[in-house]
Amino acid sequence: MTYLAPCYSYKNGTLYIDDVSLDMVAQSYETPFYIYSATQIKQNIQNLNKALTQVLEPDQYTVCYACKALNNIAVMHFIAQQGCGADIVSSGELTRAIKASVPADKIVFSGVGKSDQEIEHALNSNIRQINVESGAELYRIEHIAKSLKIVAPVVFRLNPDVKAGAHDKISTGQKENKFGLNAQSVMELYQYAADSEYINPRGISLHIGSQLIDMSPFDKAYKIAADFIQGLRAKGFTPDTIDLGGGIGIIYDNEDAPDLDAYARIVEKHIAPLGLHMIFEPGRMIVGNAGLLVSRVLYIKEAENKSFLITDAGMNDLMRPALYDSLHPVVEIIPKGKTAPVKKYDVVGPVCESADVFGLNIPLSEELTHNDLVAFTGAGAYGATMSSYYNARKLPAEFLVEGNDWRCIRRAITVEDFLRFETIDEDIYE
């Protein structure tokens, strides 16, 4: 049985998201499209806060949603209404966060490669902090802050050398990863920052990986972080912030559910006694299970030793299976019935790449045919934000549902839209 989050249910033979029939939406709008449940997003935030407030007071921490997971401004605005800030990784995401009414003092700027323009944008926007990843970056921040006559609030990303993450490409806390600094480097840079007229060092950050179901890597990493804070204090520094990153996973298929209470107990054991303000940066766990990619069957192609189910959604719409070998289970929106025969398909898209495969040997109804609707689950995080214009295919529309209300929050972006930014014989650079 394919896992479906609580916001999905079958009613009268068709799949609903909250109280909205996906078949009804697909009759009105062209597939493929993304659709999200605001109800599920809100519940996910409440679940995290419920666990944390068992061990912390609400004013001891801030949840800064990692908007790289899904940065549609309507979704970001809804999340901000639930009391969350934003963890951003680019000037573009900062612009989106501000447009979505995220308070500047709840915005943190992560990432290893911030340009001068991005640093200036962040400082002029008076965000809470910039998470520094290298000495070279710190010196650029100082230079830009001096030119603006601004004191830059920073924390330093500590790399604890802890293996975590469901895939090597989403593990970020080991010494061979490009992220963060070792303890000695952080200590040296903290001293430099403390001596600078234009830098305010506020503490440290860390983020060890993504899609974590096992909480033990957090236990190891947070112990290292707590010990490092004590080392800072021993040298006379007075940090006030610890940014604990994100990384808590979701159920895609047959994983165990992450134990949020166990995570909170780890925070209570290692971090709460430090008396610092804590920042949490969940992304996937807030939106991942709240979204679907809805698609139509184009063809059933029978090959010599297998059957291909070809959908109108491709790797340009949902990149994660090609990039990470990730599984997004496929479900029928209008099932053919419990007694319908089942066969196994390789579910693939129309893109001219052999990597355009969503899953192999997927059991679905033998009666599926042209124009039938299917949905890829767990597509709320790193779906639309990673979609591309490859093969000159449109970017999919996005919809937001709450109860029985639904609306389009981004129309499909077509080839005609992209051609407005291209020319054959004119210089249109501005």
Protein backbone atom coordinates (compact mmCIF):
# COMPACT_ATOMS: atom_id res chain seq x y z
CA MET A 1 0.00 0.00 0.00
CA THR A 2 1.47 3.36 -1.07
CA TYR A 3 1.89 5.83 1.77
CA LEU A 4 -0.33 8.90 1.53
CA ALA A 5 -0.18 11.81 3.98
CA PRO A 6 -3.34 12.64 5.95
CA CYS A 7 -4.35 15.40 3.50
CA TYR A 8 -5.05 12.81 0.78
CA SER A 9 -8.00 10.45 0.64
CA TYR A 10 -10.08 8.55 -1.87
CA LYS A 11 -13.72 9.61 -2.01
CA ASN A 12 -16.27 8.26 -4.46
CA GLY A 13 -13.54 6.54 -6.42
CA THR A 14 -11.22 9.49 -6.91
CA LEU A 15 -8.24 10.98 -5.07
CA TYR A 16 -8.78 14.18 -3.11
CA ILE A 17 -6.35 16.63 -1.61
CA ASP A 18 -8.09 18.08 1.43
CA ASP A 19 -11.65 18.45 0.11
CA VAL A 20 -10.73 19.06 -3.53
CA SER A 21 -10.95 16.41 -6.24
CA LEU A 22 -7.75 16.15 -8.23
CA ASP A 23 -9.74 14.93 -11.21
CA MET A 24 -11.80 18.12 -11.06
CA VAL A 25 -8.67 20.31 -11.05
CA ALA A 26 -7.18 18.31 -13.94
CA GLN A 27 -10.36 18.81 -15.96
CA SER A 28 -9.86 22.57 -15.65
CA TYR A 29 -6.10 22.89 -16.07
CA GLU A 30 -3.51 21.26 -18.28
CA THR A 31 -1.19 18.69 -16.74
CA PRO A 32 1.41 18.33 -15.41
CA PHE A 33 0.93 20.57 -12.38
CA TYR A 34 1.91 20.72 -8.72
CA ILE A 35 -0.71 20.98 -6.01
CA TYR A 36 -0.14 21.56 -2.29
CA SER A 37 -2.21 21.23 0.87
CA ALA A 38 -2.02 24.25 3.18
CA THR A 39 -3.73 22.13 5.82
CA GLN A 40 -0.90 19.58 5.76
CA ILE A 41 1.77 22.29 5.80
CA LYS A 42 0.16 23.84 8.86
CA GLN A 43 -0.08 20.45 10.56
CA ASN A 44 3.59 19.72 9.87
CA ILE A 45 4.60 23.01 11.49
CA GLN A 46 2.36 22.29 14.46
CA ASN A 47 3.89 18.82 14.85
CA LEU A 48 7.38 20.28 15.03
CA ASN A 49 6.36 23.00 17.48
CA LYS A 50 4.52 20.48 19.65
CA ALA A 51 7.68 18.41 20.00
CA LEU A 52 9.96 21.39 20.63
CA THR A 53 7.69 23.05 23.20
CA GLN A 54 7.82 19.92 25.32
CA VAL A 55 11.44 20.85 26.09
CA LEU A 56 11.68 24.57 25.19
CA GLU A 57 9.75 27.76 25.76
CA PRO A 58 8.39 29.29 22.52
CA ASP A 59 10.62 32.35 22.87
CA GLN A 60 13.75 30.18 23.02
CA TYR A 61 13.68 29.31 19.34
CA THR A 62 12.71 30.42 15.83
CA VAL A 63 11.70 28.14 12.98
CA CYS A 64 13.18 29.48 9.74
CA TYR A 65 11.64 27.53 6.87
CA ALA A 66 14.29 26.42 4.34
CA CYS A 67 12.55 27.88 1.32
CA LYS A 68 14.83 26.20 -1.22
CA ALA A 69 12.46 23.26 -0.73
CA LEU A 70 9.51 25.22 -2.16
CA ASN A 71 9.77 28.97 -2.69
CA ASN A 72 6.42 29.92 -4.20
CA ILE A 73 5.53 33.20 -2.48
CA ALA A 74 1.98 32.09 -1.67
CA VAL A 75 3.32 29.06 0.19
CA MET A 76 6.03 31.14 1.87
CA HIS A 77 3.44 33.70 2.95
CA PHE A 78 1.24 30.98 4.43
CA ILE A 79 4.20 29.54 6.32
CA ALA A 80 5.12 33.01 7.60
CA GLN A 81 1.55 33.36 8.89
CA GLN A 82 2.23 30.29 11.05
CA GLY A 83 5.03 32.23 12.78
CA CYS A 84 7.99 30.98 10.77
CA GLY A 85 10.89 32.88 9.30
CA ALA A 86 12.97 31.84 6.30
CA ASP A 87 16.32 30.24 5.65
CA ILE A 88 17.48 31.59 2.29
CA VAL A 89 20.41 30.68 0.02
CA SER A 90 20.31 33.44 -2.60
CA SER A 91 19.35 37.04 -3.22
CA GLY A 92 16.41 35.75 -5.24
CA GLU A 93 15.10 33.84 -2.24
CA LEU A 94 15.58 36.95 -0.09
CA THR A 95 13.46 38.91 -2.56
CA ARG A 96 10.82 36.20 -2.41
CA ALA A 97 10.88 36.09 1.39
CA ILE A 98 10.37 39.85 1.64
CA LYS A 99 7.61 39.71 -0.98
CA ALA A 100 5.96 36.95 1.08
CA SER A 101 6.01 39.21 4.18
CA VAL A 102 8.59 37.19 6.10
CA PRO A 103 9.96 39.49 8.86
CA ALA A 104 13.55 40.47 8.13
CA ASP A 105 14.59 39.63 11.69
CA LYS A 106 13.52 36.04 11.01
CA ILE A 107 15.60 35.60 7.86
CA VAL A 108 18.95 33.78 7.89
CA PHE A 109 21.23 33.56 4.85
CA SER A 110 23.00 30.23 4.29
CA GLY A 111 25.19 28.97 1.44
CA VAL A 112 28.84 28.76 0.45
CA GLY A 113 28.86 31.19 -2.48
CA LYS A 114 27.29 34.55 -1.67
CA SER A 115 28.11 37.26 -4.20
CA ASP A 116 28.91 40.86 -3.26
CA GLN A 117 25.49 41.90 -4.53
CA GLU A 118 23.81 39.25 -2.38
CA ILE A 119 25.74 40.26 0.74
CA GLU A 120 24.85 43.91 0.17
CA HIS A 121 21.20 42.98 -0.37
CA ALA A 122 21.15 41.01 2.89
CA LEU A 123 22.81 43.77 4.92
CA ASN A 124 20.57 46.48 3.52
CA SER A 125 17.54 44.30 4.29
CA ASN A 126 18.60 44.08 7.96
CA ILE A 127 18.19 40.30 8.14
CA ARG A 128 18.87 38.40 11.34
CA GLN A 129 22.19 36.84 10.32
CA ILE A 130 24.51 35.68 7.58
CA ASN A 131 25.83 32.15 8.05
CA VAL A 132 29.53 32.36 7.17
CA GLU A 133 31.12 29.37 5.42
CA SER A 134 34.72 30.54 4.83
CA GLY A 135 37.33 33.10 5.75
CA ALA A 136 37.18 34.56 2.25
CA GLU A 137 33.46 35.14 2.69
CA LEU A 138 33.94 36.80 6.07
CA TYR A 139 36.46 39.25 4.62
CA ARG A 140 34.05 40.19 1.80
CA ILE A 141 31.24 40.70 4.33
CA GLU A 142 33.48 42.96 6.39
CA HIS A 143 34.53 44.95 3.32
CA ILE A 144 30.95 45.44 2.15
CA ALA A 145 29.66 46.22 5.66
CA LYS A 146 32.37 48.87 6.03
CA SER A 147 31.39 50.48 2.73
CA LEU A 148 27.76 50.57 3.88
CA LYS A 149 28.67 51.68 7.42
CA ILE A 150 26.72 48.69 8.75
CA VAL A 151 27.66 46.14 11.41
CA ALA A 152 27.06 42.70 9.89
CA PRO A 153 25.52 40.02 12.16
CA VAL A 154 27.10 36.65 11.43
CA VAL A 155 27.30 33.11 12.71
CA PHE A 156 29.91 30.60 11.58
CA ARG A 157 28.95 27.28 10.06
CA LEU A 158 30.74 24.52 11.93
CA ASN A 159 31.35 21.31 10.01
CA PRO A 160 31.18 18.59 12.71
CA ASP A 161 32.38 15.79 10.39
CA VAL A 162 29.30 13.65 11.02
CA LYS A 163 27.94 11.42 8.26
CA ALA A 164 24.23 11.94 7.67
CA GLY A 165 21.73 12.08 4.84
CA ALA A 166 19.86 9.52 2.80
CA HIS A 167 22.16 9.99 -0.22
CA ASP A 168 25.77 11.12 -0.63
CA LYS A 169 24.57 14.15 -2.59
CA ILE A 170 22.52 15.40 0.35
CA SER A 171 25.11 14.76 3.06
CA THR A 172 26.60 18.10 4.10
CA GLY A 173 28.30 17.63 7.47
CA GLN A 174 31.48 15.72 6.65
CA LYS A 175 34.94 17.20 6.25
CA GLU A 176 35.05 16.31 2.54
CA ASN A 177 31.84 18.27 1.88
CA LYS A 178 32.08 21.84 0.63
CA PHE A 179 30.02 23.18 3.52
CA GLY A 180 31.21 24.77 6.74
CA LEU A 181 34.50 25.14 8.57
CA ASN A 182 36.46 22.96 10.95
CA ALA A 183 36.60 23.90 14.61
CA GLN A 184 40.02 25.53 14.49
CA SER A 185 39.03 27.73 11.55
CA VAL A 186 35.83 28.83 13.23
CA MET A 187 37.71 29.72 16.40
CA GLU A 188 40.25 31.80 14.47
CA LEU A 189 37.61 33.59 12.42
CA TYR A 190 35.48 34.22 15.50
CA GLN A 191 38.41 36.08 17.04
CA TYR A 192 38.88 38.09 13.85
CA ALA A 193 35.19 38.97 13.78
CA ALA A 194 35.16 39.94 17.45
CA ASP A 195 38.02 42.35 16.77
CA SER A 196 36.31 43.89 13.73
CA GLU A 197 34.39 47.14 13.91
CA TYR A 198 31.99 45.94 11.21
CA ILE A 199 31.23 42.34 12.23
CA ASN A 200 29.04 41.14 15.09
CA PRO A 201 29.72 37.42 15.70
CA ARG A 202 26.58 35.94 17.24
CA GLY A 203 27.33 32.22 17.38
CA ILE A 204 27.52 29.16 15.17
CA SER A 205 25.40 27.16 12.77
CA LEU A 206 25.49 23.62 11.44
CA HIS A 207 23.55 21.49 9.01
CA ILE A 208 24.62 17.88 8.57
CA GLY A 209 22.39 16.53 5.81
CA SER A 210 18.91 15.96 4.52
CA GLN A 211 16.17 13.33 4.68
CA LEU A 212 17.29 12.04 8.09
CA ILE A 213 14.99 9.44 9.65
CA ASP A 214 17.51 8.16 12.21
CA MET A 215 18.06 10.86 14.85
CA SER A 216 21.45 9.58 16.03
CA PRO A 217 23.51 11.83 13.68
CA PHE A 218 21.85 14.85 15.33
CA ASP A 219 22.90 13.49 18.72
CA LYS A 220 26.53 13.33 17.62
CA ALA A 221 26.57 16.66 15.84
CA TYR A 222 24.77 18.62 18.55
CA LYS A 223 27.14 17.28 21.22
CA ILE A 224 30.06 18.56 19.15
CA ALA A 225 28.34 21.92 18.68
CA ALA A 226 27.61 22.26 22.40
CA ASP A 227 31.21 21.49 23.29
CA PHE A 228 32.36 24.09 20.78
CA ILE A 229 30.11 26.75 22.30
CA GLN A 230 31.68 26.04 25.67
CA GLY A 231 35.07 26.46 24.04
CA LEU A 232 34.05 29.87 22.70
CA ARG A 233 32.91 30.92 26.15
CA ALA A 234 36.15 29.70 27.68
CA LYS A 235 37.95 32.18 25.42
CA GLY A 236 35.74 35.02 26.59
CA PHE A 237 33.31 35.17 23.68
CA THR A 238 29.58 35.65 24.34
CA PRO A 239 27.57 33.90 21.62
CA ASP A 240 23.80 34.32 21.77
CA THR A 241 22.65 32.13 18.84
CA ILE A 242 22.99 28.57 17.65
CA ASP A 243 21.50 27.68 14.28
CA LEU A 244 20.85 23.92 14.28
CA GLY A 245 19.96 23.60 10.61
CA GLY A 246 17.35 21.24 9.25
CA GLY A 247 17.47 17.76 7.78
CA ILE A 248 14.54 15.93 9.37
CA GLY A 249 13.09 13.60 6.75
CA ILE A 250 9.63 12.49 5.66
CA ILE A 251 7.98 9.24 4.64
CA TYR A 252 8.17 8.73 0.89
CA ASP A 253 7.41 5.03 0.67
CA ASN A 254 8.25 2.53 3.40
CA GLU A 255 10.53 4.56 5.71
CA ASP A 256 9.78 4.85 9.39
CA ALA A 257 8.35 8.19 10.44
CA PRO A 258 10.99 10.49 11.97
CA ASP A 259 10.63 10.67 15.75
CA LEU A 260 10.20 14.38 16.48
CA ASP A 261 10.01 13.77 20.22
CA ALA A 262 13.37 11.99 20.10
CA TYR A 263 14.79 14.93 18.17
CA ALA A 264 13.47 17.34 20.81
CA ARG A 265 15.07 15.27 23.56
CA ILE A 266 18.44 15.57 21.77
CA VAL A 267 18.00 19.35 21.66
CA GLU A 268 17.07 19.32 25.33
CA LYS A 269 20.12 17.24 26.25
CA HIS A 270 22.82 19.11 24.36
CA ILE A 271 21.60 22.55 23.32
CA ALA A 272 18.94 23.86 25.70
CA PRO A 273 21.35 24.05 28.68
CA LEU A 274 23.52 26.51 26.74
CA GLY A 275 20.91 29.24 27.11
CA LEU A 276 21.25 30.38 23.48
CA HIS A 277 18.50 31.32 21.08
CA MET A 278 17.97 28.33 18.78
CA ILE A 279 17.16 28.45 15.08
CA PHE A 280 15.72 25.44 13.26
CA GLU A 281 15.70 25.26 9.45
CA PRO A 282 13.21 22.59 8.35
CA GLY A 283 12.30 22.49 4.67
CA ARG A 284 11.32 19.07 3.40
CA MET A 285 9.49 18.13 6.61
CA ILE A 286 7.28 21.22 6.28
CA VAL A 287 6.21 20.85 2.64
CA GLY A 288 7.42 17.49 1.33
CA ASN A 289 4.37 15.33 2.02
CA ALA A 290 1.98 18.24 1.32
CA GLY A 291 2.50 18.21 -2.44
CA LEU A 292 1.76 16.06 -5.48
CA LEU A 293 2.80 16.27 -9.11
CA VAL A 294 -0.27 15.44 -11.19
CA SER A 295 0.28 13.97 -14.65
CA ARG A 296 -1.54 12.19 -17.46
CA VAL A 297 -0.62 8.96 -19.17
CA LEU A 298 0.48 9.60 -22.73
CA TYR A 299 1.13 6.04 -23.86
CA ILE A 300 1.59 2.47 -22.74
CA LYS A 301 4.55 1.17 -24.70
CA GLU A 302 5.05 -2.57 -24.81
CA ALA A 303 8.68 -3.61 -25.29
CA GLU A 304 10.12 -7.09 -25.62
CA ASN A 305 10.53 -7.72 -21.92
CA LYS A 306 8.83 -4.82 -20.17
CA SER A 307 6.02 -2.29 -20.31
CA PHE A 308 6.63 1.45 -20.24
CA LEU A 309 4.07 3.88 -18.84
CA ILE A 310 4.93 7.23 -20.43
CA THR A 311 3.61 10.32 -18.64
CA ASP A 312 3.42 13.95 -19.69
CA ALA A 313 5.53 14.85 -16.64
CA GLY A 314 9.26 14.47 -17.08
CA MET A 315 12.56 14.91 -15.31
CA ASN A 316 12.35 18.62 -16.12
CA ASP A 317 9.27 18.75 -13.85
CA LEU A 318 10.54 16.44 -11.10
CA MET A 319 14.32 16.13 -11.11
CA ARG A 320 14.90 14.16 -7.90
CA PRO A 321 14.58 10.61 -9.33
CA ALA A 322 17.19 11.37 -12.03
CA LEU A 323 19.44 13.35 -9.70
CA TYR A 324 19.29 11.31 -6.49
CA ASP A 325 17.68 8.00 -7.53
CA SER A 326 14.80 9.13 -5.35
CA LEU A 327 11.50 7.30 -5.31
CA HIS A 328 8.25 9.23 -5.60
CA PRO A 329 5.55 6.58 -5.52
CA VAL A 330 2.97 6.76 -8.30
CA VAL A 331 -0.74 6.49 -7.52
CA GLU A 332 -3.78 6.37 -9.76
CA ILE A 333 -6.08 9.34 -9.25
CA ILE A 334 -9.11 7.33 -10.38
CA PRO A 335 -8.24 3.71 -9.57
CA LYS A 336 -9.59 1.05 -11.89
CA GLY A 337 -10.93 -0.95 -8.95
CA LYS A 338 -9.67 -3.45 -6.43
CA THR A 339 -10.36 -6.35 -8.77
CA ALA A 340 -8.60 -4.81 -11.78
CA PRO A 341 -5.53 -6.79 -12.86
CA VAL A 342 -2.15 -5.28 -11.99
CA LYS A 343 1.00 -5.21 -14.05
CA LYS A 344 4.46 -3.75 -13.55
CA TYR A 345 5.60 -0.74 -15.52
CA ASP A 346 8.73 1.30 -15.89
CA VAL A 347 7.24 4.76 -15.35
CA VAL A 348 9.06 7.27 -17.56
CA GLY A 349 8.69 10.78 -18.89
CA PRO A 350 8.89 12.28 -22.40
CA VAL A 351 12.28 13.99 -22.04
CA CYS A 352 15.02 12.87 -24.43
CA GLU A 353 17.27 11.44 -21.70
CA SER A 354 17.67 7.87 -20.52
CA ALA A 355 17.65 9.25 -16.97
CA ASP A 356 14.04 10.41 -17.38
CA VAL A 357 12.73 7.53 -15.26
CA PHE A 358 10.45 7.87 -12.23
CA GLY A 359 10.48 4.23 -11.19
CA LEU A 360 11.10 0.68 -12.35
CA ASN A 361 8.69 -2.26 -12.06
CA ILE A 362 5.95 -0.13 -10.51
CA PRO A 363 2.72 -2.10 -9.96
CA LEU A 364 -0.29 -0.25 -11.40
CA SER A 365 -3.51 -1.21 -13.08
CA GLU A 366 -3.22 -3.18 -16.29
CA GLU A 367 -6.14 -1.12 -17.60
CA LEU A 368 -4.36 2.25 -17.50
CA THR A 369 -4.54 3.99 -20.84
CA HIS A 370 -4.08 7.30 -22.65
CA ASN A 371 -5.23 10.36 -20.67
CA ASP A 372 -5.64 8.55 -17.34
CA LEU A 373 -4.44 10.57 -14.37
CA VAL A 374 -1.62 9.62 -12.03
CA ALA A 375 0.12 11.50 -9.23
CA PHE A 376 3.68 11.40 -7.92
CA THR A 377 3.60 11.62 -4.13
CA GLY A 378 5.96 13.39 -1.75
CA ALA A 379 6.58 16.06 -4.38
CA GLY A 380 6.10 19.16 -2.24
CA ALA A 381 9.83 19.60 -1.57
CA TYR A 382 12.49 20.01 -4.27
CA GLY A 383 9.92 19.50 -7.01
CA ALA A 384 8.76 22.77 -8.55
CA THR A 385 11.85 24.61 -7.28
CA MET A 386 14.14 22.27 -9.22
CA SER A 387 12.03 22.16 -12.37
CA SER A 388 13.62 23.37 -15.60
CA TYR A 389 12.96 24.48 -19.15
CA TYR A 390 14.92 21.54 -20.61
CA ASN A 391 13.69 20.38 -24.04
CA ALA A 392 11.86 23.74 -24.21
CA ARG A 393 9.14 22.24 -22.04
CA LYS A 394 6.92 24.49 -19.98
CA LEU A 395 7.34 24.94 -16.24
CA PRO A 396 4.32 23.40 -14.50
CA ALA A 397 1.57 25.39 -12.83
CA GLU A 398 1.19 25.32 -9.04
CA PHE A 399 -1.99 25.21 -6.95
CA LEU A 400 -2.65 25.71 -3.25
CA VAL A 401 -5.57 24.02 -1.50
CA GLU A 402 -7.04 24.69 1.94
CA GLY A 403 -10.14 22.71 2.79
CA ASN A 404 -12.42 23.03 -0.22
CA ASP A 405 -10.80 26.26 -1.44
CA TRP A 406 -8.16 26.08 -4.13
CA ARG A 407 -6.41 28.50 -6.43
CA CYS A 408 -3.63 28.70 -8.97
CA ILE A 409 -0.57 30.30 -7.34
CA ARG A 410 1.65 30.09 -10.44
CA ARG A 411 0.45 29.60 -13.97
CA ALA A 412 2.42 27.38 -16.29
CA ILE A 413 5.40 29.21 -17.80
CA THR A 414 5.42 28.44 -21.51
CA VAL A 415 7.89 28.64 -24.38
CA GLU A 416 6.21 31.89 -25.42
CA ASP A 417 7.05 33.34 -22.00
CA PHE A 418 10.70 32.36 -22.35
CA LEU A 419 10.96 33.67 -25.91
CA ARG A 420 10.16 37.16 -24.63
CA PHE A 421 13.67 37.17 -23.13
CA GLU A 422 15.46 36.03 -26.31
CA THR A 423 16.34 37.68 -29.60
CA ILE A 424 17.93 36.70 -32.89
CA ASP A 425 19.70 39.86 -34.02
CA GLU A 426 19.18 42.51 -31.32
CA ASP A 427 21.24 43.20 -28.21
CA ILE A 428 18.71 43.11 -25.39
CA TYR A 429 21.16 42.94 -22.50
CA GLU A 430 20.27 45.36 -19.73
